[in-house]
Amino acid sequence: MSISRLERLGSGILTRSCPPELVDQVVDEAGRSEERRRLLSARFTVYFVLAMCLSRRPTAWKSSGW
């Protein structure tokens, strides 16, 4: 799957708005930090959920069962 320039720009803006250190702190405070290294880290999952929430195309989620 190819990531477009626009998608990369969007993720850059998201990481500037919510720095990785802040995301890690919130995950730790929620008691949801990883006990071991996984393919999808807690940090990545937070950014993914934030991106879905900010997406302007909620109909794209319907095909995946959301």
Protein backbone atom coordinates (compact mmCIF):
# COMPACT_ATOMS: atom_id res chain seq x y z
CA MET A 1 0.00 0.00 0.00
CA SER A 2 1.40 3.36 -1.03
CA ILE A 3 1.16 6.43 1.21
CA SER A 4 0.45 9.65 -0.62
CA ARG A 5 2.26 12.91 0.06
CA LEU A 6 -0.93 14.37 1.48
CA GLU A 7 -1.27 11.48 3.95
CA ARG A 8 2.36 11.91 5.05
CA LEU A 9 1.79 15.64 5.51
CA GLY A 10 -1.30 14.90 7.60
CA SER A 11 0.57 12.50 9.85
CA GLY A 12 3.36 15.07 10.26
CA ILE A 13 0.84 17.68 11.37
CA LEU A 14 -0.70 15.19 13.78
CA THR A 15 2.65 14.34 15.36
CA ARG A 16 3.46 18.05 15.73
CA SER A 17 0.10 18.68 17.41
CA CYS A 18 0.45 15.62 19.66
CA PRO A 19 4.17 14.96 20.18
CA PRO A 20 5.19 11.31 20.70
CA GLU A 21 6.29 12.09 24.26
CA LEU A 22 2.78 13.34 25.11
CA VAL A 23 1.16 10.28 23.54
CA ASP A 24 3.51 7.98 25.48
CA GLN A 25 2.75 9.84 28.72
CA VAL A 26 -1.02 9.54 28.21
CA VAL A 27 -0.72 5.83 27.35
CA ASP A 28 1.37 5.28 30.51
CA GLU A 29 -1.06 7.24 32.70
CA ALA A 30 -3.95 5.18 31.31
CA GLY A 31 -2.05 2.03 32.29
CA ARG A 32 -2.04 0.75 28.72
CA SER A 33 1.66 0.67 27.91
CA GLU A 34 3.02 -2.42 26.21
CA GLU A 35 4.56 -5.23 28.19
CA ARG A 36 6.45 -6.38 25.10
CA ARG A 37 7.24 -5.04 21.64
CA ARG A 38 4.47 -5.64 19.11
CA LEU A 39 3.94 -4.97 15.44
CA LEU A 40 1.52 -2.11 16.19
CA SER A 41 2.70 -0.09 19.16
CA ALA A 42 0.36 1.73 21.52
CA ARG A 43 1.70 5.01 20.14
CA PHE A 44 0.90 4.01 16.56
CA THR A 45 -2.58 2.89 17.61
CA VAL A 46 -3.27 6.26 19.27
CA TYR A 47 -2.17 8.14 16.14
CA PHE A 48 -4.27 5.82 13.96
CA VAL A 49 -7.39 6.41 16.06
CA LEU A 50 -6.79 10.17 16.08
CA ALA A 51 -6.39 10.14 12.29
CA MET A 52 -9.63 8.18 11.90
CA CYS A 53 -11.44 10.65 14.14
CA LEU A 54 -10.14 13.59 12.12
CA SER A 55 -10.81 11.97 8.77
CA ARG A 56 -13.31 13.67 6.53
CA ARG A 57 -14.36 10.39 4.95
CA PRO A 58 -16.17 8.36 7.60
CA THR A 59 -17.83 6.32 4.84
CA ALA A 60 -14.43 4.71 4.18
CA TRP A 61 -14.74 2.94 7.55
CA LYS A 62 -18.04 1.26 6.66
CA SER A 63 -16.41 -1.24 4.34
CA SER A 64 -14.19 -2.51 7.16
CA GLY A 65 -17.12 -3.14 9.48
CA TRP A 66 -16.72 -0.06 11.68
